[in-house]
């Protein structure tokens, strides 16, 4: 059977019809909201926070540092590093720069105008 064909039922001899494929952007829009909506903005912001948190944890482990050691280097408690790595804390740009500097990494930002 063609992998892009699906049967209408489990009964033998039924007609096959092409599967309806959707682009990822269409699926994402249907689940988290269309681009430009508050729901989509919130989703994108939370996703970026998760990515930053995961990168902090990944780099810290690659440098064989404990959360306590990273906290000592940037002047915060271990619990704060834990919150940063789980994206449950709001992080300031100053703290973000300190974290990545302590981890031997550089932070770069891109800024794009919306809706133009």
N, C-alpha and C. Protein backbone atom coordinates (compact mmCIF):
# COMPACT_ATOMS: atom_id res chain seq x y z
N UNK A 1 0.84 -1.19 0.00
CA UNK A 1 0.00 0.00 0.00
C UNK A 1 0.88 1.24 0.00
N UNK A 2 0.50 2.23 -0.72
CA UNK A 2 1.19 3.52 -0.77
C UNK A 2 1.12 4.16 0.61
N UNK A 3 2.25 4.63 1.19
CA UNK A 3 2.21 5.20 2.54
C UNK A 3 1.39 6.48 2.62
N UNK A 4 1.08 7.10 1.49
CA UNK A 4 0.27 8.31 1.52
C UNK A 4 -1.21 8.03 1.26
N UNK A 5 -1.58 6.77 1.32
CA UNK A 5 -2.97 6.38 1.14
C UNK A 5 -3.49 5.82 2.46
N UNK A 6 -4.74 6.08 2.76
CA UNK A 6 -5.34 5.58 3.98
C UNK A 6 -6.68 4.94 3.63
N UNK A 7 -7.02 3.87 4.30
CA UNK A 7 -8.30 3.22 4.04
C UNK A 7 -9.39 3.90 4.84
N UNK A 8 -10.62 3.80 4.32
CA UNK A 8 -11.77 4.38 5.02
C UNK A 8 -12.20 3.51 6.19
N UNK A 9 -11.92 2.23 6.13
CA UNK A 9 -12.29 1.33 7.22
C UNK A 9 -11.34 0.15 7.22
N UNK A 10 -11.51 -0.73 8.18
CA UNK A 10 -10.66 -1.91 8.28
C UNK A 10 -11.19 -3.07 7.45
N UNK A 11 -12.25 -2.88 6.71
CA UNK A 11 -12.85 -3.97 5.94
C UNK A 11 -12.09 -4.16 4.63
N UNK A 12 -11.89 -5.41 4.23
CA UNK A 12 -11.19 -5.67 2.97
C UNK A 12 -11.98 -5.12 1.79
N UNK A 13 -11.25 -4.66 0.78
CA UNK A 13 -11.88 -4.20 -0.44
C UNK A 13 -12.40 -2.77 -0.39
N UNK A 14 -12.12 -2.03 0.67
CA UNK A 14 -12.60 -0.64 0.74
C UNK A 14 -11.71 0.25 -0.10
N UNK A 15 -12.26 1.35 -0.55
CA UNK A 15 -11.53 2.31 -1.35
C UNK A 15 -10.46 3.00 -0.51
N UNK A 16 -9.40 3.40 -1.17
CA UNK A 16 -8.38 4.19 -0.48
C UNK A 16 -8.47 5.62 -0.96
N UNK A 17 -8.13 6.53 -0.06
CA UNK A 17 -8.14 7.95 -0.39
C UNK A 17 -6.81 8.55 0.05
N UNK A 18 -6.33 9.58 -0.67
CA UNK A 18 -5.07 10.21 -0.26
C UNK A 18 -5.19 10.81 1.13
N UNK A 19 -4.12 10.66 1.93
CA UNK A 19 -4.09 11.29 3.26
C UNK A 19 -3.97 12.79 3.09
N UNK A 20 -4.60 13.52 3.95
CA UNK A 20 -4.48 14.97 3.92
C UNK A 20 -3.26 15.35 4.76
N UNK A 21 -2.24 15.88 4.12
CA UNK A 21 -1.03 16.31 4.81
C UNK A 21 -1.11 17.80 5.06
N UNK A 22 -0.62 18.23 6.21
CA UNK A 22 -0.60 19.65 6.55
C UNK A 22 0.83 20.06 6.84
N UNK A 23 1.13 21.31 6.53
CA UNK A 23 2.43 21.85 6.87
C UNK A 23 2.49 22.05 8.39
N UNK A 24 3.73 22.00 8.91
CA UNK A 24 3.93 22.17 10.35
C UNK A 24 3.35 23.50 10.83
N UNK A 25 3.56 24.56 10.07
CA UNK A 25 3.05 25.88 10.46
C UNK A 25 1.53 25.88 10.60
N UNK A 26 0.84 25.14 9.73
CA UNK A 26 -0.62 25.05 9.82
C UNK A 26 -1.05 24.34 11.10
N UNK A 27 -0.36 23.26 11.41
CA UNK A 27 -0.68 22.51 12.63
C UNK A 27 -0.39 23.37 13.85
N UNK A 28 0.77 24.03 13.85
CA UNK A 28 1.13 24.88 15.00
C UNK A 28 0.10 25.99 15.18
N UNK A 29 -0.32 26.61 14.10
CA UNK A 29 -1.31 27.68 14.18
C UNK A 29 -2.63 27.18 14.74
N UNK A 30 -3.02 25.96 14.37
CA UNK A 30 -4.29 25.43 14.86
C UNK A 30 -4.22 25.09 16.35
N UNK A 31 -3.04 24.76 16.85
CA UNK A 31 -2.90 24.40 18.27
C UNK A 31 -2.52 25.57 19.17
N UNK A 32 -1.68 26.47 18.70
CA UNK A 32 -1.20 27.54 19.59
C UNK A 32 -1.61 28.93 19.13
N UNK A 33 -2.33 29.03 18.04
CA UNK A 33 -2.80 30.33 17.57
C UNK A 33 -2.01 30.82 16.37
N UNK A 34 -2.67 31.63 15.58
CA UNK A 34 -2.05 32.18 14.38
C UNK A 34 -0.96 33.16 14.75
N UNK A 35 -0.01 33.36 13.82
CA UNK A 35 1.05 34.34 14.05
C UNK A 35 0.43 35.70 14.31
N UNK A 36 1.01 36.42 15.27
CA UNK A 36 0.52 37.75 15.62
C UNK A 36 -0.52 37.78 16.72
N UNK A 37 -1.04 36.62 17.11
CA UNK A 37 -2.04 36.59 18.19
C UNK A 37 -1.32 36.54 19.54
N UNK A 38 -1.98 37.01 20.59
CA UNK A 38 -1.36 36.95 21.93
C UNK A 38 -0.99 35.52 22.34
N UNK A 39 -1.82 34.55 21.97
CA UNK A 39 -1.54 33.16 22.33
C UNK A 39 -0.25 32.67 21.66
N UNK A 40 -0.07 33.02 20.41
CA UNK A 40 1.14 32.61 19.68
C UNK A 40 2.36 33.30 20.26
N UNK A 41 2.22 34.59 20.61
CA UNK A 41 3.34 35.34 21.20
C UNK A 41 3.77 34.69 22.51
N UNK A 42 2.81 34.34 23.34
CA UNK A 42 3.11 33.69 24.62
C UNK A 42 3.81 32.35 24.40
N UNK A 43 3.31 31.58 23.46
CA UNK A 43 3.92 30.29 23.14
C UNK A 43 5.37 30.46 22.69
N UNK A 44 5.61 31.39 21.76
CA UNK A 44 6.96 31.60 21.24
C UNK A 44 7.90 32.08 22.35
N UNK A 45 7.43 32.97 23.22
CA UNK A 45 8.26 33.46 24.32
C UNK A 45 8.62 32.34 25.28
N UNK A 46 7.65 31.49 25.61
CA UNK A 46 7.90 30.37 26.51
C UNK A 46 8.86 29.37 25.87
N UNK A 47 8.73 29.17 24.58
CA UNK A 47 9.63 28.25 23.88
C UNK A 47 11.06 28.77 23.91
N UNK A 48 11.24 30.07 23.67
CA UNK A 48 12.59 30.64 23.72
C UNK A 48 13.17 30.51 25.12
N UNK A 49 12.36 30.72 26.15
CA UNK A 49 12.83 30.59 27.53
C UNK A 49 13.28 29.15 27.80
N UNK A 50 12.52 28.19 27.30
CA UNK A 50 12.88 26.77 27.47
C UNK A 50 14.21 26.46 26.78
N UNK A 51 14.40 27.00 25.60
CA UNK A 51 15.64 26.76 24.85
C UNK A 51 16.83 27.35 25.59
N UNK A 52 16.69 28.57 26.11
CA UNK A 52 17.78 29.20 26.87
C UNK A 52 18.08 28.39 28.12
N UNK A 53 17.05 27.97 28.83
CA UNK A 53 17.24 27.18 30.05
C UNK A 53 17.98 25.89 29.76
N UNK A 54 17.58 25.21 28.70
CA UNK A 54 18.23 23.95 28.33
C UNK A 54 19.69 24.18 27.93
N UNK A 55 19.96 25.28 27.25
CA UNK A 55 21.33 25.59 26.83
C UNK A 55 22.21 25.87 28.05
N UNK A 56 21.68 26.58 29.04
CA UNK A 56 22.44 26.83 30.27
C UNK A 56 22.82 25.50 30.92
N UNK A 57 21.86 24.62 31.07
CA UNK A 57 22.10 23.33 31.70
C UNK A 57 23.11 22.50 30.89
N UNK A 58 22.92 22.48 29.57
CA UNK A 58 23.81 21.72 28.69
C UNK A 58 25.26 22.21 28.78
N UNK A 59 25.44 23.53 28.73
CA UNK A 59 26.79 24.09 28.81
C UNK A 59 27.42 23.86 30.18
N UNK A 60 26.61 24.02 31.24
CA UNK A 60 27.14 23.80 32.59
C UNK A 60 27.66 22.37 32.74
N UNK A 61 26.86 21.41 32.27
CA UNK A 61 27.28 20.01 32.38
C UNK A 61 28.50 19.73 31.50
N UNK A 62 28.56 20.34 30.32
CA UNK A 62 29.71 20.15 29.44
C UNK A 62 30.99 20.69 30.07
N UNK A 63 30.84 21.71 30.93
CA UNK A 63 32.00 22.30 31.62
C UNK A 63 32.28 21.59 32.94
N UNK A 64 31.53 20.52 33.23
CA UNK A 64 31.68 19.73 34.45
C UNK A 64 31.54 20.61 35.70
N UNK A 65 30.53 21.48 35.67
CA UNK A 65 30.27 22.37 36.80
C UNK A 65 28.98 21.95 37.48
N UNK A 66 28.95 22.10 38.78
CA UNK A 66 27.71 21.89 39.51
C UNK A 66 26.91 23.19 39.49
N UNK A 67 25.64 23.10 39.86
CA UNK A 67 24.83 24.30 39.97
C UNK A 67 25.42 25.23 41.03
N UNK A 68 25.94 24.67 42.09
CA UNK A 68 26.56 25.48 43.15
C UNK A 68 27.76 26.24 42.61
N UNK A 69 28.60 25.56 41.83
CA UNK A 69 29.80 26.22 41.28
C UNK A 69 29.41 27.36 40.32
N UNK A 70 28.41 27.12 39.48
CA UNK A 70 27.96 28.19 38.58
C UNK A 70 27.38 29.34 39.38
N UNK A 71 26.59 29.03 40.38
CA UNK A 71 26.03 30.07 41.24
C UNK A 71 27.11 30.90 41.90
N UNK A 72 28.15 30.25 42.41
CA UNK A 72 29.26 30.97 43.04
C UNK A 72 29.94 31.90 42.04
N UNK A 73 30.09 31.45 40.79
CA UNK A 73 30.76 32.27 39.78
C UNK A 73 29.96 33.52 39.40
N UNK A 74 28.64 33.42 39.45
CA UNK A 74 27.82 34.56 39.03
C UNK A 74 27.18 35.30 40.19
N UNK A 75 27.43 34.83 41.40
CA UNK A 75 26.94 35.53 42.58
C UNK A 75 25.49 35.28 42.95
N UNK A 76 25.00 34.05 42.67
CA UNK A 76 23.65 33.68 43.08
C UNK A 76 23.68 32.34 43.79
N UNK A 77 22.60 31.99 44.43
CA UNK A 77 22.52 30.71 45.13
C UNK A 77 22.23 29.58 44.13
N UNK A 78 22.54 28.35 44.55
CA UNK A 78 22.29 27.16 43.75
C UNK A 78 20.83 27.08 43.32
N UNK A 79 19.91 27.44 44.21
CA UNK A 79 18.48 27.38 43.90
C UNK A 79 18.13 28.28 42.72
N UNK A 80 18.79 29.44 42.62
CA UNK A 80 18.54 30.34 41.50
C UNK A 80 19.00 29.71 40.19
N UNK A 81 20.15 29.04 40.20
CA UNK A 81 20.64 28.36 39.00
C UNK A 81 19.65 27.27 38.61
N UNK A 82 19.14 26.54 39.59
CA UNK A 82 18.16 25.50 39.32
C UNK A 82 16.92 26.08 38.65
N UNK A 83 16.44 27.22 39.14
CA UNK A 83 15.27 27.88 38.55
C UNK A 83 15.58 28.36 37.12
N UNK A 84 16.80 28.84 36.89
CA UNK A 84 17.19 29.28 35.55
C UNK A 84 17.18 28.09 34.58
N UNK A 85 17.69 26.95 35.04
CA UNK A 85 17.77 25.77 34.19
C UNK A 85 16.42 25.11 33.95
N UNK A 86 15.45 25.41 34.78
CA UNK A 86 14.11 24.84 34.57
C UNK A 86 13.15 25.87 34.01
N UNK A 87 13.68 27.03 33.65
CA UNK A 87 12.94 28.17 33.09
C UNK A 87 11.76 28.60 33.95
N UNK A 88 11.92 28.46 35.26
CA UNK A 88 10.86 28.92 36.17
C UNK A 88 11.20 30.28 36.78
N UNK A 89 12.31 30.87 36.35
CA UNK A 89 12.70 32.19 36.86
C UNK A 89 12.82 33.15 35.68
N UNK A 90 12.40 34.38 35.90
CA UNK A 90 12.64 35.42 34.91
C UNK A 90 14.10 35.81 35.02
N UNK A 91 14.76 35.87 33.89
CA UNK A 91 16.19 36.17 33.90
C UNK A 91 16.41 37.54 33.27
N UNK A 92 17.22 38.34 33.92
CA UNK A 92 17.56 39.65 33.36
C UNK A 92 18.67 39.48 32.33
N UNK A 93 18.80 40.44 31.46
CA UNK A 93 19.89 40.38 30.48
C UNK A 93 21.25 40.37 31.17
N UNK A 94 21.37 41.13 32.25
CA UNK A 94 22.62 41.17 33.01
C UNK A 94 22.98 39.77 33.54
N UNK A 95 22.00 39.10 34.14
CA UNK A 95 22.24 37.76 34.67
C UNK A 95 22.54 36.79 33.53
N UNK A 96 21.81 36.90 32.44
CA UNK A 96 22.03 36.03 31.29
C UNK A 96 23.47 36.17 30.78
N UNK A 97 23.94 37.40 30.68
CA UNK A 97 25.32 37.62 30.24
C UNK A 97 26.31 37.02 31.23
N UNK A 98 26.06 37.19 32.52
CA UNK A 98 26.96 36.63 33.53
C UNK A 98 27.01 35.10 33.44
N UNK A 99 25.84 34.49 33.25
CA UNK A 99 25.77 33.02 33.17
C UNK A 99 26.59 32.52 31.99
N UNK A 100 26.35 33.08 30.82
CA UNK A 100 27.05 32.58 29.65
C UNK A 100 28.53 32.94 29.65
N UNK A 101 28.88 34.07 30.23
CA UNK A 101 30.30 34.41 30.39
C UNK A 101 30.98 33.39 31.30
N UNK A 102 30.33 33.05 32.41
CA UNK A 102 30.87 32.05 33.33
C UNK A 102 30.99 30.68 32.67
N UNK A 103 30.12 30.42 31.69
CA UNK A 103 30.14 29.13 30.99
C UNK A 103 31.02 29.17 29.74
N UNK A 104 31.66 30.30 29.50
CA UNK A 104 32.54 30.41 28.35
C UNK A 104 31.80 30.46 27.03
N UNK A 105 30.65 31.12 27.02
CA UNK A 105 29.84 31.23 25.81
C UNK A 105 29.45 32.68 25.58
N UNK A 106 29.11 32.98 24.33
CA UNK A 106 28.72 34.34 23.97
C UNK A 106 27.24 34.34 23.64
N UNK A 107 26.55 35.40 24.03
CA UNK A 107 25.13 35.56 23.73
C UNK A 107 24.99 36.55 22.59
N UNK A 108 24.19 36.19 21.61
CA UNK A 108 23.89 37.12 20.52
C UNK A 108 22.37 37.23 20.40
N UNK A 109 21.92 38.41 20.01
CA UNK A 109 20.49 38.65 19.87
C UNK A 109 20.18 39.15 18.47
N UNK A 110 19.02 38.86 18.00
CA UNK A 110 18.54 39.40 16.73
C UNK A 110 17.24 40.13 17.00
N UNK A 111 17.07 41.25 16.35
CA UNK A 111 15.85 42.03 16.51
C UNK A 111 15.25 42.26 15.14
N UNK A 112 13.97 41.92 15.00
CA UNK A 112 13.27 42.09 13.74
C UNK A 112 11.99 42.86 13.98
N UNK A 113 11.67 43.81 13.11
CA UNK A 113 10.40 44.51 13.26
C UNK A 113 9.23 43.56 12.97
N UNK A 114 8.13 43.73 13.67
CA UNK A 114 6.95 42.89 13.48
C UNK A 114 6.05 43.49 12.40
N UNK A 115 5.40 42.63 11.64
CA UNK A 115 4.36 43.03 10.72
C UNK A 115 4.75 43.95 9.60
N UNK A 116 5.96 43.95 9.19
CA UNK A 116 6.36 44.82 8.08
C UNK A 116 6.79 44.02 6.89
